[in-house]
Every structure is written in structure tokens, then in C-alpha cells.
Amino acid sequence: MLYNREFTPNRISALAANEIFVFGSNLSGMHGGGAALIAYERFGAIWGQGVGMQGQSYGIPTMQGGVETIRPYVDEFIRYAAQHPEYKFLVTRIGCGIAGFSDAEIAVLFRDAIGHENIILPRTFVEVLEHGDC
């Protein structure tokens, strides 16, 4: 595996000026709990916006159905991050809290993120990808 950099911290309470908090959201942008609430309270997530850049955060919808409904939003995020190398994107364990998915179910969606130095993944996602548990 080509991932030889830092992992997303388990708890993020502050960001550097170039860091973006990547969180799991819902399509309606009701950031009422989990990482979405942190994004709203601390990192500029916009109430009513469920997708994309919002202040110093980036929302990826995870509450609208199965894993395959999340894939297009993850792909869109990876494209966005590739176009914005000036930012470092700290991906939280999206979908693995309130949405109820496992790390193995979500990690596979981030396989293409491995090649992007500015996308930082949770250790659990990288472990799944490196051990082929997906």
C-alpha cells in the first residue's frame, strides 16, 4: 500500500488554516449529532447544506441508503481534493457512527484516496485497505 503518512486523529478540536474536516452528513444538512455537529459548531458547516465544502469542513452524505449511495459523494470528494492540493483533508470515520456502517464497508469507498497526499484517512480505513478486508 502506498499510504505512508499520518492518520486522521480520533478527536479533532482545532484545525490549522489549511486543514478541512471531512464529516458524514445527511442530504438535508441537519447537522444534529456526531461529527456533523462538531463540523457545525466548530468548523463552519452550514445548516441545511449536506454536501461539499462548508467553511473549514466538507460534508459527505451517509444517511440516504446503502453503501452504494455513498460512493458517488466520496468520488466527488476525491475529485475535489485532487483539485485543491493547497488543503489537507482530514477524513473522519464517515458513516461509521450514527449511519451504522462498518469501517470495512466504508473504507473501500476511499481506495482511490490513497494516491492523494492531501487526503488523510482514519487508521481503521487504512488497515482495512492494506489487509484486503474489503
N, C-alpha and C. Protein backbone atom coordinates (compact mmCIF):
# COMPACT_ATOMS: atom_id res chain seq x y z
N MET A 1 0.86 -1.18 0.00
CA MET A 1 0.00 0.00 0.00
C MET A 1 0.90 1.24 0.00
N LEU A 2 0.46 2.25 -0.64
CA LEU A 2 1.26 3.46 -0.78
C LEU A 2 0.96 4.51 0.28
N TYR A 3 0.17 4.16 1.29
CA TYR A 3 -0.19 5.13 2.32
C TYR A 3 0.88 5.12 3.40
N ASN A 4 1.74 6.12 3.41
CA ASN A 4 2.81 6.18 4.41
C ASN A 4 2.85 7.57 5.03
N ARG A 5 1.71 8.02 5.49
CA ARG A 5 1.62 9.33 6.11
C ARG A 5 0.76 9.25 7.36
N GLU A 6 0.48 10.39 7.93
CA GLU A 6 -0.30 10.43 9.17
C GLU A 6 -1.72 9.90 8.97
N PHE A 7 -2.36 9.63 10.09
CA PHE A 7 -3.77 9.23 10.09
C PHE A 7 -4.60 10.37 10.67
N THR A 8 -5.88 10.39 10.35
CA THR A 8 -6.78 11.36 10.96
C THR A 8 -6.82 11.10 12.47
N PRO A 9 -6.65 12.15 13.27
CA PRO A 9 -6.76 11.96 14.73
C PRO A 9 -8.17 11.46 15.10
N ASN A 10 -8.26 10.72 16.20
CA ASN A 10 -9.56 10.23 16.66
C ASN A 10 -10.48 11.37 17.08
N ARG A 11 -9.90 12.41 17.65
CA ARG A 11 -10.67 13.58 18.08
C ARG A 11 -10.02 14.81 17.46
N ILE A 12 -10.82 15.64 16.83
CA ILE A 12 -10.32 16.87 16.23
C ILE A 12 -11.06 18.03 16.88
N SER A 13 -10.32 18.89 17.57
CA SER A 13 -10.96 20.02 18.22
C SER A 13 -10.51 21.35 17.64
N ALA A 14 -9.44 21.32 16.83
CA ALA A 14 -8.95 22.54 16.19
C ALA A 14 -8.31 22.15 14.86
N LEU A 15 -8.29 23.08 13.94
CA LEU A 15 -7.70 22.86 12.63
C LEU A 15 -6.69 23.95 12.31
N ALA A 16 -5.64 23.56 11.56
CA ALA A 16 -4.73 24.56 11.01
C ALA A 16 -5.47 25.27 9.87
N ALA A 17 -4.95 26.39 9.42
CA ALA A 17 -5.63 27.20 8.41
C ALA A 17 -5.89 26.44 7.11
N ASN A 18 -5.03 25.48 6.77
CA ASN A 18 -5.19 24.73 5.51
C ASN A 18 -5.88 23.39 5.68
N GLU A 19 -6.36 23.07 6.87
CA GLU A 19 -6.99 21.77 7.12
C GLU A 19 -8.51 21.85 6.98
N ILE A 20 -9.07 20.77 6.44
CA ILE A 20 -10.51 20.66 6.22
C ILE A 20 -11.01 19.41 6.95
N PHE A 21 -12.07 19.57 7.72
CA PHE A 21 -12.70 18.49 8.49
C PHE A 21 -13.73 17.82 7.59
N VAL A 22 -13.51 16.55 7.25
CA VAL A 22 -14.41 15.82 6.35
C VAL A 22 -15.31 14.93 7.20
N PHE A 23 -16.61 15.17 7.12
CA PHE A 23 -17.56 14.51 8.01
C PHE A 23 -18.72 13.87 7.26
N GLY A 24 -19.34 12.90 7.90
CA GLY A 24 -20.55 12.28 7.35
C GLY A 24 -21.74 13.15 7.69
N SER A 25 -22.58 13.38 6.69
CA SER A 25 -23.74 14.26 6.88
C SER A 25 -25.00 13.55 6.39
N ASN A 26 -26.08 14.28 6.39
CA ASN A 26 -27.29 13.79 5.73
C ASN A 26 -27.62 14.78 4.62
N LEU A 27 -28.38 14.35 3.65
CA LEU A 27 -28.64 15.18 2.48
C LEU A 27 -29.32 16.50 2.81
N SER A 28 -30.10 16.53 3.88
CA SER A 28 -30.80 17.76 4.24
C SER A 28 -29.92 18.73 5.03
N GLY A 29 -28.71 18.30 5.41
CA GLY A 29 -27.81 19.20 6.14
C GLY A 29 -28.26 19.51 7.55
N MET A 30 -28.97 18.58 8.18
CA MET A 30 -29.36 18.75 9.57
C MET A 30 -28.23 18.19 10.44
N HIS A 31 -27.28 19.01 10.80
CA HIS A 31 -26.05 18.59 11.47
C HIS A 31 -26.28 18.46 12.98
N GLY A 32 -27.11 17.52 13.37
CA GLY A 32 -27.56 17.44 14.75
C GLY A 32 -26.78 16.54 15.67
N GLY A 33 -25.84 15.74 15.16
CA GLY A 33 -25.10 14.83 16.05
C GLY A 33 -23.81 14.36 15.43
N GLY A 34 -23.01 13.70 16.24
CA GLY A 34 -21.75 13.12 15.78
C GLY A 34 -20.80 14.16 15.20
N ALA A 35 -20.03 13.72 14.21
CA ALA A 35 -19.05 14.60 13.58
C ALA A 35 -19.73 15.78 12.88
N ALA A 36 -20.96 15.57 12.40
CA ALA A 36 -21.67 16.66 11.73
C ALA A 36 -21.93 17.82 12.70
N LEU A 37 -22.27 17.51 13.93
CA LEU A 37 -22.50 18.55 14.92
C LEU A 37 -21.19 19.29 15.23
N ILE A 38 -20.09 18.55 15.32
CA ILE A 38 -18.78 19.18 15.53
C ILE A 38 -18.46 20.09 14.35
N ALA A 39 -18.71 19.61 13.12
CA ALA A 39 -18.47 20.42 11.93
C ALA A 39 -19.29 21.71 11.98
N TYR A 40 -20.53 21.59 12.42
CA TYR A 40 -21.41 22.75 12.50
C TYR A 40 -20.97 23.73 13.60
N GLU A 41 -20.65 23.19 14.77
CA GLU A 41 -20.32 24.04 15.92
C GLU A 41 -18.93 24.66 15.82
N ARG A 42 -17.98 23.95 15.18
CA ARG A 42 -16.58 24.40 15.24
C ARG A 42 -15.97 24.75 13.89
N PHE A 43 -16.44 24.15 12.79
CA PHE A 43 -15.69 24.24 11.54
C PHE A 43 -16.48 24.79 10.36
N GLY A 44 -17.57 25.49 10.64
CA GLY A 44 -18.26 26.23 9.59
C GLY A 44 -19.25 25.47 8.73
N ALA A 45 -19.63 24.26 9.12
CA ALA A 45 -20.67 23.56 8.35
C ALA A 45 -21.94 24.39 8.37
N ILE A 46 -22.62 24.41 7.26
CA ILE A 46 -23.81 25.25 7.08
C ILE A 46 -25.07 24.42 7.30
N TRP A 47 -25.91 24.86 8.24
CA TRP A 47 -27.18 24.18 8.49
C TRP A 47 -28.00 24.21 7.20
N GLY A 48 -28.46 23.04 6.77
CA GLY A 48 -29.25 22.95 5.54
C GLY A 48 -28.43 22.58 4.31
N GLN A 49 -27.11 22.50 4.44
CA GLN A 49 -26.25 22.07 3.32
C GLN A 49 -25.63 20.73 3.68
N GLY A 50 -25.97 19.69 2.95
CA GLY A 50 -25.50 18.35 3.29
C GLY A 50 -24.28 17.88 2.53
N VAL A 51 -23.89 18.60 1.47
CA VAL A 51 -22.84 18.11 0.58
C VAL A 51 -21.80 19.19 0.32
N GLY A 52 -20.54 18.78 0.33
CA GLY A 52 -19.46 19.65 -0.14
C GLY A 52 -18.85 20.56 0.88
N MET A 53 -18.05 21.51 0.34
CA MET A 53 -17.31 22.46 1.18
C MET A 53 -18.26 23.40 1.90
N GLN A 54 -17.94 23.61 3.18
CA GLN A 54 -18.72 24.50 4.04
C GLN A 54 -17.76 25.03 5.09
N GLY A 55 -17.32 26.25 4.96
CA GLY A 55 -16.34 26.78 5.90
C GLY A 55 -15.06 25.96 5.82
N GLN A 56 -14.64 25.43 6.98
CA GLN A 56 -13.45 24.58 7.03
C GLN A 56 -13.86 23.12 7.17
N SER A 57 -14.95 22.76 6.51
CA SER A 57 -15.42 21.39 6.56
C SER A 57 -15.96 20.97 5.20
N TYR A 58 -16.10 19.64 5.03
CA TYR A 58 -16.61 19.08 3.78
C TYR A 58 -17.55 17.96 4.15
N GLY A 59 -18.82 18.05 3.73
CA GLY A 59 -19.83 17.05 4.06
C GLY A 59 -19.98 15.99 2.99
N ILE A 60 -20.02 14.73 3.44
CA ILE A 60 -20.28 13.58 2.56
C ILE A 60 -21.52 12.88 3.11
N PRO A 61 -22.64 12.89 2.38
CA PRO A 61 -23.87 12.26 2.87
C PRO A 61 -23.71 10.75 3.06
N THR A 62 -24.19 10.28 4.22
CA THR A 62 -24.09 8.85 4.55
C THR A 62 -25.40 8.26 5.04
N MET A 63 -26.46 9.05 5.10
CA MET A 63 -27.70 8.61 5.75
C MET A 63 -28.84 8.28 4.78
N GLN A 64 -28.57 8.23 3.47
CA GLN A 64 -29.65 8.14 2.50
C GLN A 64 -29.93 6.73 1.98
N GLY A 65 -29.22 5.73 2.47
CA GLY A 65 -29.44 4.36 1.98
C GLY A 65 -28.23 3.51 2.21
N GLY A 66 -27.98 2.56 1.32
CA GLY A 66 -26.85 1.66 1.46
C GLY A 66 -25.53 2.29 1.06
N VAL A 67 -24.47 1.50 1.21
CA VAL A 67 -23.12 1.98 0.93
C VAL A 67 -22.99 2.52 -0.50
N GLU A 68 -23.64 1.87 -1.44
CA GLU A 68 -23.50 2.30 -2.84
C GLU A 68 -24.09 3.70 -3.08
N THR A 69 -24.97 4.16 -2.19
CA THR A 69 -25.49 5.53 -2.33
C THR A 69 -24.48 6.56 -1.85
N ILE A 70 -23.47 6.10 -1.10
CA ILE A 70 -22.44 6.99 -0.58
C ILE A 70 -21.31 7.16 -1.60
N ARG A 71 -21.05 6.12 -2.39
CA ARG A 71 -19.92 6.11 -3.32
C ARG A 71 -19.82 7.35 -4.21
N PRO A 72 -20.91 7.81 -4.86
CA PRO A 72 -20.76 8.98 -5.74
C PRO A 72 -20.29 10.22 -4.99
N TYR A 73 -20.68 10.35 -3.74
CA TYR A 73 -20.28 11.52 -2.95
C TYR A 73 -18.81 11.42 -2.54
N VAL A 74 -18.35 10.20 -2.25
CA VAL A 74 -16.93 10.01 -1.93
C VAL A 74 -16.10 10.27 -3.19
N ASP A 75 -16.54 9.76 -4.32
CA ASP A 75 -15.82 10.00 -5.58
C ASP A 75 -15.74 11.50 -5.87
N GLU A 76 -16.84 12.21 -5.66
CA GLU A 76 -16.87 13.66 -5.86
C GLU A 76 -15.88 14.35 -4.92
N PHE A 77 -15.84 13.89 -3.66
CA PHE A 77 -14.90 14.45 -2.69
C PHE A 77 -13.46 14.24 -3.14
N ILE A 78 -13.13 13.04 -3.58
CA ILE A 78 -11.75 12.74 -4.01
C ILE A 78 -11.36 13.63 -5.19
N ARG A 79 -12.28 13.84 -6.12
CA ARG A 79 -12.01 14.74 -7.25
C ARG A 79 -11.77 16.17 -6.74
N TYR A 80 -12.60 16.60 -5.81
CA TYR A 80 -12.46 17.95 -5.25
C TYR A 80 -11.10 18.10 -4.56
N ALA A 81 -10.74 17.13 -3.74
CA ALA A 81 -9.46 17.19 -3.02
C ALA A 81 -8.29 17.21 -4.00
N ALA A 82 -8.40 16.45 -5.08
CA ALA A 82 -7.33 16.42 -6.10
C ALA A 82 -7.17 17.79 -6.75
N GLN A 83 -8.26 18.53 -6.87
CA GLN A 83 -8.23 19.86 -7.49
C GLN A 83 -7.78 20.94 -6.51
N HIS A 84 -7.66 20.58 -5.23
CA HIS A 84 -7.31 21.56 -4.19
C HIS A 84 -6.14 21.07 -3.33
N PRO A 85 -4.96 20.95 -3.94
CA PRO A 85 -3.80 20.45 -3.19
C PRO A 85 -3.33 21.39 -2.08
N GLU A 86 -3.85 22.61 -2.08
CA GLU A 86 -3.48 23.56 -1.03
C GLU A 86 -4.11 23.22 0.32
N TYR A 87 -5.10 22.33 0.31
CA TYR A 87 -5.77 21.90 1.54
C TYR A 87 -5.34 20.50 1.94
N LYS A 88 -5.40 20.24 3.24
CA LYS A 88 -5.21 18.90 3.78
C LYS A 88 -6.56 18.47 4.35
N PHE A 89 -7.11 17.41 3.80
CA PHE A 89 -8.45 16.93 4.16
C PHE A 89 -8.35 15.82 5.19
N LEU A 90 -8.88 16.07 6.38
CA LEU A 90 -8.88 15.09 7.46
C LEU A 90 -10.21 14.34 7.45
N VAL A 91 -10.19 13.14 6.90
CA VAL A 91 -11.41 12.34 6.77
C VAL A 91 -11.71 11.65 8.09
N THR A 92 -12.89 11.90 8.64
CA THR A 92 -13.33 11.20 9.84
C THR A 92 -13.88 9.84 9.43
N ARG A 93 -14.26 9.02 10.39
CA ARG A 93 -14.83 7.70 10.09
C ARG A 93 -16.28 7.87 9.63
N ILE A 94 -16.44 8.54 8.47
CA ILE A 94 -17.78 8.85 7.97
C ILE A 94 -18.60 7.57 7.85
N GLY A 95 -19.86 7.67 8.22
CA GLY A 95 -20.77 6.54 8.08
C GLY A 95 -20.65 5.47 9.14
N CYS A 96 -19.65 5.57 10.02
CA CYS A 96 -19.40 4.51 11.00
C CYS A 96 -19.94 4.84 12.39
N GLY A 97 -20.67 5.92 12.49
CA GLY A 97 -21.29 6.29 13.77
C GLY A 97 -22.79 6.13 13.66
N ILE A 98 -23.47 7.25 13.61
CA ILE A 98 -24.93 7.27 13.57
C ILE A 98 -25.48 6.51 12.36
N ALA A 99 -24.79 6.58 11.21
CA ALA A 99 -25.28 5.91 9.99
C ALA A 99 -25.20 4.39 10.10
N GLY A 100 -24.31 3.87 10.97
CA GLY A 100 -24.31 2.45 11.29
C GLY A 100 -23.52 1.52 10.38
N PHE A 101 -22.67 2.04 9.51
CA PHE A 101 -21.86 1.18 8.65
C PHE A 101 -20.58 0.78 9.37
N SER A 102 -19.95 -0.30 8.90
CA SER A 102 -18.67 -0.73 9.46
C SER A 102 -17.53 -0.03 8.73
N ASP A 103 -16.36 -0.04 9.38
CA ASP A 103 -15.17 0.52 8.73
C ASP A 103 -14.90 -0.18 7.40
N ALA A 104 -15.07 -1.49 7.37
CA ALA A 104 -14.81 -2.26 6.14
C ALA A 104 -15.76 -1.84 5.02
N GLU A 105 -17.01 -1.57 5.35
CA GLU A 105 -17.97 -1.16 4.31
C GLU A 105 -17.62 0.20 3.72
N ILE A 106 -17.13 1.13 4.54
CA ILE A 106 -16.85 2.48 4.08
C ILE A 106 -15.44 2.62 3.52
N ALA A 107 -14.48 1.94 4.11
CA ALA A 107 -13.08 2.08 3.69
C ALA A 107 -12.90 1.83 2.20
N VAL A 108 -13.59 0.84 1.66
CA VAL A 108 -13.42 0.51 0.23
C VAL A 108 -13.76 1.69 -0.67
N LEU A 109 -14.64 2.56 -0.21
CA LEU A 109 -15.02 3.73 -1.00
C LEU A 109 -13.85 4.71 -1.14
N PHE A 110 -12.88 4.61 -0.23
CA PHE A 110 -11.75 5.53 -0.22
C PHE A 110 -10.48 4.94 -0.83
N ARG A 111 -10.59 3.80 -1.50
CA ARG A 111 -9.42 3.17 -2.12
C ARG A 111 -8.67 4.16 -3.02
N ASP A 112 -9.38 4.95 -3.82
CA ASP A 112 -8.73 5.89 -4.74
C ASP A 112 -8.13 7.10 -4.02
N ALA A 113 -8.44 7.27 -2.75
CA ALA A 113 -7.88 8.40 -1.99
C ALA A 113 -6.43 8.13 -1.58
N ILE A 114 -6.03 6.88 -1.57
CA ILE A 114 -4.69 6.50 -1.12
C ILE A 114 -3.61 7.26 -1.90
N GLY A 115 -3.82 7.48 -3.18
CA GLY A 115 -2.82 8.14 -4.01
C GLY A 115 -2.76 9.65 -3.87
N HIS A 116 -3.60 10.21 -3.05
CA HIS A 116 -3.64 11.67 -2.88
C HIS A 116 -3.03 12.06 -1.53
N GLU A 117 -1.88 12.70 -1.58
CA GLU A 117 -1.14 13.06 -0.36
C GLU A 117 -1.93 13.98 0.56
N ASN A 118 -2.86 14.75 0.01
CA ASN A 118 -3.58 15.72 0.84
C ASN A 118 -4.87 15.15 1.45
N ILE A 119 -5.14 13.86 1.24
CA ILE A 119 -6.29 13.21 1.89
C ILE A 119 -5.75 12.32 3.00
N ILE A 120 -6.09 12.67 4.23
CA ILE A 120 -5.64 11.93 5.41
C ILE A 120 -6.81 11.05 5.87
N LEU A 121 -6.55 9.76 6.00
CA LEU A 121 -7.60 8.79 6.34
C LEU A 121 -7.47 8.30 7.79
N PRO A 122 -8.59 7.83 8.34
CA PRO A 122 -8.53 7.19 9.66
C PRO A 122 -7.70 5.91 9.58
N ARG A 123 -7.00 5.61 10.66
CA ARG A 123 -6.19 4.39 10.72
C ARG A 123 -7.02 3.15 10.39
N THR A 124 -8.25 3.09 10.89
CA THR A 124 -9.09 1.90 10.65
C THR A 124 -9.37 1.70 9.17
N PHE A 125 -9.58 2.79 8.42
CA PHE A 125 -9.82 2.67 6.97
C PHE A 125 -8.57 2.14 6.27
N VAL A 126 -7.41 2.67 6.64
CA VAL A 126 -6.16 2.25 6.01
C VAL A 126 -5.88 0.79 6.31
N GLU A 127 -6.13 0.38 7.56
CA GLU A 127 -5.91 -1.03 7.92
C GLU A 127 -6.77 -1.96 7.09
N VAL A 128 -8.02 -1.59 6.87
CA VAL A 128 -8.91 -2.40 6.03
C VAL A 128 -8.35 -2.48 4.60
N LEU A 129 -7.96 -1.36 4.07
CA LEU A 129 -7.45 -1.31 2.70
C LEU A 129 -6.14 -2.08 2.55
N GLU A 130 -5.25 -1.98 3.53
CA GLU A 130 -3.96 -2.65 3.45
C GLU A 130 -4.06 -4.15 3.64
N HIS A 131 -5.03 -4.59 4.41
CA HIS A 131 -5.16 -6.03 4.69
C HIS A 131 -6.14 -6.72 3.76
N GLY A 132 -6.68 -5.97 2.83
CA GLY A 132 -7.58 -6.58 1.85
C GLY A 132 -8.85 -7.13 2.44
N ASP A 133 -9.30 -6.54 3.55
CA ASP A 133 -10.54 -6.99 4.20
C ASP A 133 -11.76 -6.46 3.49
N CYS A 134 -11.57 -5.99 2.27
CA CYS A 134 -12.69 -5.39 1.57
C CYS A 134 -12.83 -5.97 0.18
